[in-house]
Amino acid sequence: MRHSLKYFDKMRCLRKRAAVSFLGVLVICLLFMNLYIEDGYVLEGDKQLIRETATHQLNSERYVHTFKDLSNFSGSINISYRYLAGTPLPRKRYLTIGLSSVKRKKGNYLLETIKSIFEQSSYEELKEIAVVVQLADFDSAWCEGMVQDISQKFAHHIIAGRLIVIHVPEEYYPVLDGLKRNYNDPEDRVKFRSKQNVDYAFLLNFCANLSDYYVMLEDDVRCSKNFLTAVKKVITSREGSYWVTLEFSKLGYIGKLYHSHDLPRLAHFLLMFYQEMPCDWLLIHFRGLLAQKEVIRFKPSLFQHMGYYSSYKGAENKLKDDDFEEESFDIPDNPPANLHTNMNVFENYEASKAYSSIDEYFWGKAPSTGDFYGIVFEKPIKISKIKVVTGTEDRQNDILHHGALEVGEKIVGSKKGRQCTTYLRLGEFKNGNFEITNLEHKVLFDINCMRILVTKSQKEWLIIRSISVWTSQTPNQ
C-alpha cells in the first residue's frame, strides 16, 4: 500500500513537471511567433489569406468578402528605406509621381523620364508635385552610379524637396526563386515580374503620406506639357463620384492615378499576390474588388512610353500610346450638371456618358423634331468655349444631321425637373459637329442651361460622342 502511494505521488510530480515544461515551451513558442509576426514584412493574416486563396480565383465571392474583412490594411509595411538622395518632404503636396527602376541590359531612360517630368511642368506646378525614384536593383555599383548622375543633373530639385531617391535592401524581399510558374512563363520571367510587384509595393508604401494623390509611371516615359493641370481638371470633374483608379495612358503601369489613402491597401495586395501574375493584371483585380468595375480612362493620354528596349532581358518593346499628345492641350472643365433627354435611349448609353472625357458616348434611337439633350448646371457659369461631337468612326452616319445648340437662363421647377425659361440659339450643327469660341463676349448673361435641339427628324440613330464646356471666371454669387 505504502509503495503504491509513493508510486502515485511520483507520477503526480512527473505530470506537474511535464505540464510546467509544456507550458514553458508553449510560452516560448508564442513569444517567438509574436516576434516573427511583428518583424515580418507581411502580416500573418496576409500569409494565411495567400494559403487560403491559392486555389481560388481573385474575383470569387469568397475572396471579396475575406479581402474586405481583413483589409483595413491602413498600416504601413514594416521595412527600412535607404535615402540615396533628398529627404522626406516638409509639407504635403498635391501629387506624388512614383518611378521604380532597375539596371537594363540595353538602354537606360530614367534620366530622360525625370527630365521630362520637370521640364513639362510650370513653376507653379512644380510646387505641387513630388517625385520619388526607387532604385530597385541589388547591384550597389549601379545604384551608386545612378545616384551620382541624378544628383548632378537634378541637384536643385533635390534641394527644393521635389525629388527623393530611395532603395530597399535585398534582405526585406521575399523568396524570388522556385516561384509558381503561372501562365507557362519561364522561371526567369516569373522572377522578374514577381520582384517588380514587390518593388512597386515598397514604393507605394513609402509614398502613402506624401500627397493627396499618387500617379505611377514607368522609368521610360515622357510626359505631356502641363500634365498636372490636366490631372487636376479631371479630378475636379469627378468630384462627388466614386473611383479607385483613373487612367491617363492605356499602356502597362503608366499613368495610373490613385487616392493616396488607398496606397497601403494596394501595397499589401501586391505583396500578397506577388508571384501570381504581372502587376498590371493585379491592378485590374484591385479596382474590381474595391467596386470600380469599369476602366475610367481619359483621352488624350498624358504619358507616352518611349523606351525601345524592355527592362526584361533587353527585349525590344515598341509599344506606343496612339492617344498621346505631347504639346499642351486644353482639357474642358465640364462643370457639375444634371443631364436629361427626351430621346429614346438605347440600352445603357445614357445621357451622362456624353458629358465626360472618358471614352463613352450617348446613343439614342432615331430622334424627331423637337427632341433635345439638356444640361442644367448646378451653378450659373460663364462659358468661353463649347464643342460637341456626334457620331463615331464605326458609325459615321449616326450624327445629328439637323440640330442647333442653345444656352439658357432663369431656372424654374423642382430639383428633378429644373429647366430654363428662355434660350438663346448659338448656331447650327455642321456635319454632325458644333464648336464656338469667345462665348463670354457673345453671351452677356450667366448661363444656367445648355441644350442640343433636334430641328428635323432623322431615320438614323444619334450618337453624341462628347460634349466639352470650357468656363471663364466664375460669376459672383
Protein backbone atom coordinates (compact mmCIF):
# COMPACT_ATOMS: atom_id res chain seq x y z
CA MET A 1 0.00 0.00 0.00
CA ARG A 2 2.80 2.41 1.02
CA HIS A 3 4.67 1.59 -2.19
CA SER A 4 1.51 2.24 -4.20
CA LEU A 5 1.01 5.69 -2.63
CA LYS A 6 4.65 6.58 -3.26
CA TYR A 7 4.24 5.47 -6.88
CA PHE A 8 1.13 7.67 -7.37
CA ASP A 9 2.85 10.65 -5.68
CA LYS A 10 5.82 10.20 -8.00
CA MET A 11 3.52 10.06 -11.05
CA ARG A 12 1.71 13.29 -9.94
CA CYS A 13 5.05 15.07 -9.62
CA LEU A 14 6.12 13.91 -13.06
CA ARG A 15 2.80 15.08 -14.54
CA LYS A 16 3.22 18.51 -12.88
CA ARG A 17 6.77 18.83 -14.17
CA ALA A 18 5.65 17.76 -17.64
CA ALA A 19 2.82 20.32 -17.56
CA VAL A 20 5.17 23.09 -16.43
CA SER A 21 7.66 22.15 -19.16
CA PHE A 22 4.90 22.08 -21.78
CA LEU A 23 3.60 25.48 -20.69
CA GLY A 24 7.13 26.86 -20.78
CA VAL A 25 7.69 25.60 -24.29
CA LEU A 26 4.27 26.94 -25.35
CA VAL A 27 5.03 30.42 -23.95
CA ILE A 28 8.41 30.48 -25.73
CA CYS A 29 6.73 29.42 -28.98
CA LEU A 30 4.10 32.11 -28.63
CA LEU A 31 6.74 34.75 -27.94
CA PHE A 32 8.74 33.59 -30.94
CA MET A 33 5.63 33.70 -33.14
CA ASN A 34 4.82 37.19 -31.90
CA LEU A 35 8.31 38.39 -32.75
CA TYR A 36 8.05 36.79 -36.15
CA ILE A 37 4.73 38.47 -36.84
CA GLU A 38 6.00 41.88 -35.73
CA ASP A 39 9.24 41.66 -37.68
CA GLY A 40 7.87 40.14 -40.88
CA TYR A 41 7.15 42.45 -43.79
CA VAL A 42 3.85 40.62 -44.47
CA LEU A 43 1.28 40.21 -41.69
CA GLU A 44 0.48 36.64 -40.67
CA GLY A 45 -3.14 37.24 -41.67
CA ASP A 46 -1.94 38.04 -45.18
CA LYS A 47 0.10 34.82 -45.31
CA GLN A 48 -2.92 32.82 -44.18
CA LEU A 49 -5.01 34.52 -46.85
CA ILE A 50 -2.45 33.57 -49.51
CA ARG A 51 -2.68 29.93 -48.44
CA GLU A 52 -6.49 30.02 -48.34
CA THR A 53 -6.86 31.66 -51.75
CA ALA A 54 -4.09 29.82 -53.60
CA THR A 55 -6.67 27.69 -55.42
CA HIS A 56 -9.38 30.36 -55.78
CA GLN A 57 -9.78 33.00 -58.45
CA LEU A 58 -9.20 36.55 -57.26
CA ASN A 59 -12.69 37.63 -58.22
CA SER A 60 -14.52 34.90 -56.32
CA GLU A 61 -17.25 35.95 -53.88
CA ARG A 62 -15.42 34.21 -51.05
CA TYR A 63 -12.27 36.20 -51.69
CA VAL A 64 -14.05 39.55 -52.00
CA HIS A 65 -15.54 39.21 -48.53
CA THR A 66 -12.30 37.94 -47.00
CA PHE A 67 -10.29 40.78 -48.50
CA LYS A 68 -12.74 43.41 -47.28
CA ASP A 69 -12.87 41.93 -43.79
CA LEU A 70 -9.09 41.79 -43.44
CA SER A 71 -8.49 44.92 -45.23
CA ASN A 72 -8.13 47.78 -43.16
CA PHE A 73 -4.62 47.46 -44.44
CA SER A 74 -4.17 51.03 -43.23
CA GLY A 75 -0.85 50.31 -41.55
CA SER A 76 2.42 50.66 -43.39
CA ILE A 77 4.64 47.69 -44.21
CA ASN A 78 7.45 47.32 -41.69
CA ILE A 79 10.60 47.88 -43.77
CA SER A 80 13.51 50.31 -43.67
CA TYR A 81 14.33 52.57 -46.60
CA ARG A 82 17.73 53.96 -47.52
CA TYR A 83 17.69 57.58 -48.65
CA LEU A 84 20.15 57.85 -51.54
CA ALA A 85 19.31 61.47 -52.38
CA GLY A 86 16.94 64.01 -50.86
CA THR A 87 14.95 63.84 -47.66
CA PRO A 88 11.25 63.46 -46.76
CA LEU A 89 9.22 66.43 -47.86
CA PRO A 90 8.48 69.16 -45.31
CA ARG A 91 4.86 69.57 -46.42
CA LYS A 92 2.20 67.52 -48.13
CA ARG A 93 1.94 68.02 -51.88
CA TYR A 94 -0.97 67.57 -54.29
CA LEU A 95 0.56 64.77 -56.38
CA THR A 96 3.37 62.27 -55.91
CA ILE A 97 4.89 60.69 -59.02
CA GLY A 98 6.44 57.28 -58.37
CA LEU A 99 9.13 55.58 -60.51
CA SER A 100 10.83 52.25 -59.89
CA SER A 101 13.94 51.49 -61.91
CA VAL A 102 16.37 48.59 -62.37
CA LYS A 103 19.52 48.12 -64.40
CA ARG A 104 18.78 47.35 -68.05
CA LYS A 105 20.85 45.18 -70.36
CA LYS A 106 20.24 47.68 -73.15
CA GLY A 107 19.47 51.37 -72.86
CA ASN A 108 18.59 53.48 -69.83
CA TYR A 109 15.80 56.02 -69.92
CA LEU A 110 15.44 57.00 -66.26
CA LEU A 111 17.24 60.35 -66.53
CA GLU A 112 15.17 61.31 -69.57
CA THR A 113 11.98 60.40 -67.73
CA ILE A 114 12.86 62.56 -64.71
CA LYS A 115 13.86 65.38 -67.06
CA SER A 116 10.53 65.17 -68.88
CA ILE A 117 8.56 65.36 -65.62
CA PHE A 118 10.28 68.57 -64.56
CA GLU A 119 10.59 70.22 -67.98
CA GLN A 120 6.93 69.68 -68.82
CA SER A 121 5.79 71.30 -65.56
CA SER A 122 5.41 75.03 -64.93
CA TYR A 123 6.97 76.71 -61.91
CA GLU A 124 3.56 76.77 -60.18
CA GLU A 125 3.00 73.09 -60.94
CA LEU A 126 6.42 72.15 -59.55
CA LYS A 127 5.32 73.48 -56.16
CA GLU A 128 2.59 70.84 -56.01
CA ILE A 129 4.46 67.70 -57.07
CA ALA A 130 6.93 65.30 -55.52
CA VAL A 131 8.93 62.74 -57.49
CA VAL A 132 10.08 59.56 -55.74
CA VAL A 133 12.55 57.36 -57.60
CA GLN A 134 13.16 53.87 -56.23
CA LEU A 135 16.38 52.26 -57.44
CA ALA A 136 15.26 48.67 -57.10
CA ASP A 137 18.35 46.85 -58.33
CA PHE A 138 20.56 44.85 -55.96
CA ASP A 139 23.71 45.93 -57.84
CA SER A 140 25.12 48.54 -55.45
CA ALA A 141 27.62 49.86 -58.01
CA TRP A 142 24.83 50.58 -60.48
CA CYS A 143 22.77 52.30 -57.77
CA GLU A 144 25.71 54.48 -56.75
CA GLY A 145 26.35 55.47 -60.36
CA MET A 146 22.70 56.37 -60.94
CA VAL A 147 22.56 58.43 -57.75
CA GLN A 148 25.60 60.41 -58.88
CA ASP A 149 24.02 61.09 -62.28
CA ILE A 150 20.67 62.08 -60.77
CA SER A 151 22.31 64.30 -58.15
CA GLN A 152 24.40 66.12 -60.77
CA LYS A 153 21.56 66.72 -63.23
CA PHE A 154 18.74 67.49 -60.79
CA ALA A 155 20.51 68.97 -57.76
CA HIS A 156 18.20 71.98 -57.47
CA HIS A 157 15.10 69.75 -57.47
CA ILE A 158 16.61 67.60 -54.71
CA ILE A 159 17.44 70.71 -52.65
CA ALA A 160 13.91 72.05 -53.22
CA GLY A 161 12.45 68.81 -51.81
CA ARG A 162 10.83 67.81 -55.09
CA LEU A 163 12.97 64.74 -55.76
CA ILE A 164 13.85 61.83 -53.49
CA VAL A 165 15.81 58.70 -54.42
CA ILE A 166 15.32 55.62 -52.22
CA HIS A 167 16.41 51.97 -52.04
CA VAL A 168 15.14 48.92 -50.15
CA PRO A 169 17.84 46.41 -49.10
CA GLU A 170 17.56 42.89 -50.51
CA GLU A 171 17.01 41.40 -47.06
CA TYR A 172 13.44 42.76 -46.99
CA TYR A 173 12.43 40.92 -50.17
CA PRO A 174 10.59 37.58 -50.08
CA VAL A 175 11.92 34.45 -51.78
CA LEU A 176 12.26 35.05 -55.52
CA ASP A 177 13.38 31.57 -56.58
CA GLY A 178 11.24 28.49 -57.13
CA LEU A 179 8.05 30.52 -57.58
CA LYS A 180 4.79 29.31 -59.11
CA ARG A 181 5.03 29.26 -62.91
CA ASN A 182 1.58 30.52 -63.81
CA TYR A 183 0.69 31.00 -67.50
CA ASN A 184 3.63 28.77 -68.50
CA ASP A 185 6.01 31.69 -68.03
CA PRO A 186 9.69 30.71 -67.90
CA GLU A 187 11.27 30.78 -64.46
CA ASP A 188 13.31 33.94 -65.05
CA ARG A 189 10.22 35.78 -66.32
CA VAL A 190 8.27 34.78 -63.21
CA LYS A 191 11.14 36.00 -61.03
CA PHE A 192 11.30 39.32 -62.89
CA ARG A 193 7.58 40.12 -62.68
CA SER A 194 7.30 38.89 -59.09
CA LYS A 195 10.16 41.12 -57.97
CA GLN A 196 8.57 44.01 -59.87
CA ASN A 197 5.36 43.54 -57.85
CA VAL A 198 7.37 43.74 -54.63
CA ASP A 199 9.29 46.79 -55.93
CA TYR A 200 6.02 48.61 -56.60
CA ALA A 201 4.56 47.57 -53.23
CA PHE A 202 7.55 49.05 -51.38
CA LEU A 203 7.35 52.24 -53.46
CA LEU A 204 3.62 52.66 -52.81
CA ASN A 205 4.20 52.05 -49.11
CA PHE A 206 6.82 54.82 -48.97
CA CYS A 207 4.62 57.34 -50.82
CA ALA A 208 1.40 56.80 -48.86
CA ASN A 209 1.58 60.02 -46.82
CA LEU A 210 3.41 62.41 -49.13
CA SER A 211 0.45 63.87 -51.04
CA ASP A 212 -3.29 63.74 -51.72
CA TYR A 213 -2.92 61.77 -54.94
CA TYR A 214 -0.38 59.39 -56.46
CA VAL A 215 0.41 58.51 -60.07
CA MET A 216 2.61 55.59 -61.12
CA LEU A 217 4.95 55.93 -64.08
CA GLU A 218 7.48 53.56 -65.55
CA ASP A 219 11.12 54.61 -65.92
CA ASP A 220 10.94 55.06 -69.72
CA VAL A 221 8.15 57.62 -70.13
CA ARG A 222 7.78 61.13 -71.45
CA CYS A 223 5.09 63.49 -70.25
CA SER A 224 2.62 65.83 -71.86
CA LYS A 225 3.15 69.52 -71.18
CA ASN A 226 1.36 70.77 -68.04
CA PHE A 227 0.15 67.26 -67.25
CA LEU A 228 -0.51 68.21 -63.62
CA THR A 229 -3.01 70.90 -64.61
CA ALA A 230 -4.79 68.36 -66.82
CA VAL A 231 -4.88 65.81 -63.97
CA LYS A 232 -6.29 68.40 -61.56
CA LYS A 233 -9.05 69.31 -64.02
CA VAL A 234 -10.02 65.67 -64.39
CA ILE A 235 -10.05 65.09 -60.61
CA THR A 236 -12.23 68.18 -60.15
CA SER A 237 -14.63 66.95 -62.82
CA ARG A 238 -15.02 63.65 -60.91
CA GLU A 239 -15.94 65.33 -57.62
CA GLY A 240 -18.82 63.54 -55.97
CA SER A 241 -18.31 60.33 -57.97
CA TYR A 242 -16.62 57.19 -56.68
CA TRP A 243 -13.40 55.99 -58.27
CA VAL A 244 -10.39 53.89 -57.33
CA THR A 245 -8.16 54.30 -60.39
CA LEU A 246 -8.12 56.96 -63.09
CA GLU A 247 -6.03 56.10 -66.14
CA PHE A 248 -4.08 58.64 -68.20
CA SER A 249 -2.42 56.11 -70.51
CA LYS A 250 -3.61 52.83 -71.94
CA LEU A 251 -0.22 51.13 -71.59
CA GLY A 252 1.04 48.93 -68.74
CA TYR A 253 1.54 50.55 -65.35
CA ILE A 254 1.86 54.03 -66.84
CA GLY A 255 -0.29 56.97 -65.78
CA LYS A 256 -2.44 55.14 -63.22
CA LEU A 257 -3.75 57.57 -60.58
CA TYR A 258 -4.87 56.71 -57.03
CA HIS A 259 -6.03 58.42 -53.88
CA SER A 260 -3.03 58.28 -51.54
CA HIS A 261 -5.21 56.80 -48.79
CA ASP A 262 -5.60 53.65 -50.95
CA LEU A 263 -1.85 53.08 -51.32
CA PRO A 264 -1.35 50.96 -48.16
CA ARG A 265 -4.07 48.58 -49.28
CA LEU A 266 -2.65 48.38 -52.78
CA ALA A 267 0.85 47.76 -51.39
CA HIS A 268 -0.38 44.87 -49.23
CA PHE A 269 -2.37 43.50 -52.16
CA LEU A 270 0.67 43.42 -54.46
CA LEU A 271 2.71 41.69 -51.75
CA MET A 272 0.05 39.08 -51.08
CA PHE A 273 -0.09 38.02 -54.73
CA TYR A 274 3.38 38.99 -55.90
CA GLN A 275 4.05 35.64 -57.58
CA GLU A 276 0.62 35.14 -59.14
CA MET A 277 0.60 37.49 -62.16
CA PRO A 278 2.04 40.74 -63.57
CA CYS A 279 1.30 43.98 -61.76
CA ASP A 280 -0.96 45.47 -64.45
CA TRP A 281 -3.21 42.40 -64.20
CA LEU A 282 -3.29 42.62 -60.41
CA LEU A 283 -4.38 46.25 -60.68
CA ILE A 284 -7.49 45.21 -62.59
CA HIS A 285 -8.45 42.87 -59.75
CA PHE A 286 -7.69 45.54 -57.15
CA ARG A 287 -10.03 48.17 -58.54
CA GLY A 288 -12.68 45.49 -59.13
CA LEU A 289 -12.51 44.34 -55.51
CA LEU A 290 -12.99 47.95 -54.42
CA ALA A 291 -16.15 48.17 -56.56
CA GLN A 292 -14.90 50.04 -59.63
CA LYS A 293 -15.84 47.57 -62.34
CA GLU A 294 -15.15 49.67 -65.43
CA VAL A 295 -11.95 51.31 -66.66
CA ILE A 296 -12.03 55.12 -66.34
CA ARG A 297 -9.51 56.26 -68.91
CA PHE A 298 -9.03 59.78 -70.21
CA LYS A 299 -8.06 60.94 -73.67
CA PRO A 300 -5.76 62.31 -74.91
CA SER A 301 -3.19 60.36 -72.89
CA LEU A 302 -0.78 62.38 -70.74
CA PHE A 303 2.11 59.91 -70.74
CA GLN A 304 3.91 58.06 -73.54
CA HIS A 305 6.17 55.00 -73.45
CA MET A 306 9.49 55.99 -75.04
CA GLY A 307 11.79 53.05 -74.29
CA TYR A 308 12.89 50.85 -77.18
CA TYR A 309 14.34 48.07 -75.02
CA SER A 310 12.47 46.39 -72.18
CA SER A 311 13.92 46.15 -68.68
CA TYR A 312 13.32 42.38 -69.01
CA LYS A 313 16.36 40.90 -70.82
CA GLY A 314 16.70 43.95 -73.05
CA ALA A 315 13.96 42.66 -75.36
CA GLU A 316 12.52 45.04 -77.93
CA ASN A 317 9.43 46.91 -76.77
CA LYS A 318 7.96 49.23 -79.39
CA LEU A 319 4.60 49.83 -77.68
CA LYS A 320 3.24 53.35 -78.18
CA ASP A 321 0.07 55.03 -76.96
CA ASP A 322 -1.58 56.47 -80.08
CA ASP A 323 -3.83 58.67 -77.90
CA PHE A 324 -0.86 60.59 -76.52
CA GLU A 325 -0.43 64.32 -77.27
CA GLU A 326 2.82 65.88 -76.12
CA GLU A 327 2.01 69.54 -76.65
CA SER A 328 -0.18 71.45 -74.26
CA PHE A 329 -3.83 70.81 -74.90
CA ASP A 330 -6.92 72.33 -73.38
CA ILE A 331 -8.98 69.88 -71.35
CA PRO A 332 -12.58 71.07 -70.86
CA ASP A 333 -13.89 71.96 -67.41
CA ASN A 334 -17.34 70.38 -67.78
CA PRO A 335 -18.69 71.85 -64.54
CA PRO A 336 -21.12 69.77 -62.43
CA ALA A 337 -24.53 69.49 -64.07
CA ASN A 338 -27.73 67.45 -64.30
CA LEU A 339 -28.23 65.75 -67.67
CA HIS A 340 -31.52 64.69 -69.24
CA THR A 341 -33.07 63.87 -72.60
CA ASN A 342 -36.49 63.00 -74.02
CA MET A 343 -34.96 60.78 -76.71
CA ASN A 344 -35.38 57.01 -76.66
CA VAL A 345 -32.08 55.83 -75.13
CA PHE A 346 -30.52 52.62 -76.46
CA GLU A 347 -29.57 50.13 -73.73
CA ASN A 348 -27.16 51.71 -71.19
CA TYR A 349 -25.80 54.51 -73.39
CA GLU A 350 -27.41 57.10 -71.12
CA ALA A 351 -27.10 60.89 -71.26
CA SER A 352 -24.30 61.14 -68.70
CA LYS A 353 -21.89 59.28 -70.99
CA ALA A 354 -21.65 62.16 -73.46
CA TYR A 355 -20.74 64.75 -70.81
CA SER A 356 -17.45 63.11 -69.88
CA SER A 357 -13.84 62.99 -71.04
CA ILE A 358 -13.69 59.22 -70.82
CA ASP A 359 -14.21 57.03 -73.88
CA GLU A 360 -18.03 56.68 -73.69
CA TYR A 361 -20.99 58.17 -75.53
CA PHE A 362 -24.76 58.73 -75.55
CA TRP A 363 -26.75 56.73 -78.08
CA GLY A 364 -30.41 57.43 -78.85
CA LYS A 365 -32.81 55.88 -81.33
CA ALA A 366 -33.89 57.92 -84.37
CA PRO A 367 -34.77 61.37 -82.94
CA SER A 368 -37.70 63.53 -84.04
CA THR A 369 -38.11 67.27 -84.49
CA GLY A 370 -38.15 68.96 -81.08
CA ASP A 371 -36.27 66.21 -79.27
CA PHE A 372 -33.47 67.50 -77.06
CA TYR A 373 -30.48 66.68 -74.89
CA GLY A 374 -30.41 69.07 -71.91
CA ILE A 375 -27.74 70.18 -69.45
CA VAL A 376 -28.66 72.11 -66.30
CA PHE A 377 -25.59 73.43 -64.48
CA GLU A 378 -25.53 73.27 -60.69
CA LYS A 379 -24.43 76.93 -60.59
CA PRO A 380 -24.70 79.73 -63.16
CA ILE A 381 -21.45 79.94 -65.14
CA LYS A 382 -19.54 81.97 -67.69
CA ILE A 383 -18.64 79.84 -70.71
CA SER A 384 -15.77 80.65 -73.06
CA LYS A 385 -15.98 77.68 -75.44
CA ILE A 386 -18.32 74.80 -76.36
CA LYS A 387 -17.58 71.82 -78.57
CA VAL A 388 -19.98 68.95 -79.40
CA VAL A 389 -19.03 65.91 -81.50
CA THR A 390 -21.59 63.37 -82.76
CA GLY A 391 -21.08 60.00 -84.43
CA THR A 392 -18.10 57.66 -84.17
CA GLU A 393 -15.55 56.22 -86.60
CA ASP A 394 -17.53 52.97 -86.70
CA ARG A 395 -20.93 54.69 -87.09
CA GLN A 396 -20.24 57.79 -89.11
CA ASN A 397 -23.87 58.24 -90.11
CA ASP A 398 -25.22 58.27 -86.53
CA ILE A 399 -24.65 62.02 -86.33
CA LEU A 400 -27.01 64.93 -85.69
CA HIS A 401 -27.93 65.78 -89.26
CA HIS A 402 -30.12 68.78 -88.39
CA GLY A 403 -29.75 70.44 -85.00
CA ALA A 404 -28.90 73.57 -83.05
CA LEU A 405 -27.20 74.42 -79.79
CA GLU A 406 -28.80 76.82 -77.31
CA VAL A 407 -27.95 78.28 -73.90
CA GLY A 408 -30.47 79.47 -71.35
CA GLU A 409 -31.08 81.42 -68.15
CA LYS A 410 -33.71 81.80 -65.40
CA ILE A 411 -34.22 78.31 -63.98
CA VAL A 412 -37.67 77.15 -62.87
CA GLY A 413 -39.02 73.86 -61.50
CA SER A 414 -38.06 71.34 -58.83
CA LYS A 415 -34.65 69.78 -58.49
CA LYS A 416 -35.54 66.85 -60.77
CA GLY A 417 -37.41 68.91 -63.35
CA ARG A 418 -35.34 72.08 -63.49
CA GLN A 419 -35.16 73.90 -66.82
CA CYS A 420 -34.58 77.38 -68.18
CA THR A 421 -37.42 79.69 -69.22
CA THR A 422 -35.53 81.45 -72.03
CA TYR A 423 -32.94 80.21 -74.52
CA LEU A 424 -30.54 81.87 -76.92
CA ARG A 425 -29.61 79.96 -80.09
CA LEU A 426 -25.85 79.99 -80.70
CA GLY A 427 -25.79 78.22 -84.07
CA GLU A 428 -26.45 75.11 -86.15
CA PHE A 429 -24.61 71.79 -86.31
CA LYS A 430 -22.46 71.22 -89.39
CA ASN A 431 -21.57 67.68 -90.45
CA GLY A 432 -22.64 66.48 -87.02
CA ASN A 433 -20.38 68.82 -85.04
CA PHE A 434 -20.67 72.17 -83.28
CA GLU A 435 -17.97 74.47 -81.93
CA ILE A 436 -17.99 78.06 -80.72
CA THR A 437 -15.28 80.15 -79.03
CA ASN A 438 -15.04 83.54 -77.26
CA LEU A 439 -18.52 82.90 -75.95
CA GLU A 440 -18.04 85.10 -72.89
CA HIS A 441 -18.08 88.10 -75.24
CA LYS A 442 -21.18 86.91 -77.11
CA VAL A 443 -23.45 85.90 -74.23
CA LEU A 444 -23.86 88.60 -71.61
CA PHE A 445 -25.86 86.60 -69.05
CA ASP A 446 -24.66 83.87 -66.67
CA ILE A 447 -25.59 80.54 -68.27
CA ASN A 448 -27.81 78.13 -66.33
CA CYS A 449 -28.67 75.66 -69.08
CA MET A 450 -27.48 74.31 -72.39
CA ARG A 451 -29.33 72.09 -74.82
CA ILE A 452 -28.87 70.28 -78.12
CA LEU A 453 -32.09 70.62 -80.10
CA VAL A 454 -33.13 68.35 -83.00
CA THR A 455 -34.56 70.63 -85.71
CA LYS A 456 -35.57 67.91 -88.20
CA SER A 457 -36.47 64.25 -87.76
CA GLN A 458 -33.96 61.65 -88.97
CA LYS A 459 -34.15 57.91 -89.57
CA GLU A 460 -30.56 57.37 -88.37
CA TRP A 461 -29.85 56.89 -84.68
CA LEU A 462 -27.90 59.58 -82.84
CA ILE A 463 -24.57 59.17 -81.05
CA ILE A 464 -23.41 62.19 -79.02
CA ARG A 465 -19.78 61.29 -78.64
CA SER A 466 -18.60 64.17 -76.48
CA ILE A 467 -19.82 67.47 -75.04
CA SER A 468 -17.00 69.77 -73.92
CA VAL A 469 -17.51 73.01 -71.97
CA TRP A 470 -14.76 75.45 -71.07
CA THR A 471 -15.53 78.08 -68.43
CA SER A 472 -14.02 81.50 -67.91
CA GLN A 473 -14.25 83.18 -64.50
CA THR A 474 -16.88 82.02 -62.04
CA PRO A 475 -19.51 84.70 -61.58
CA ASN A 476 -20.07 86.21 -58.15
CA GLN A 477 -22.97 84.62 -56.38
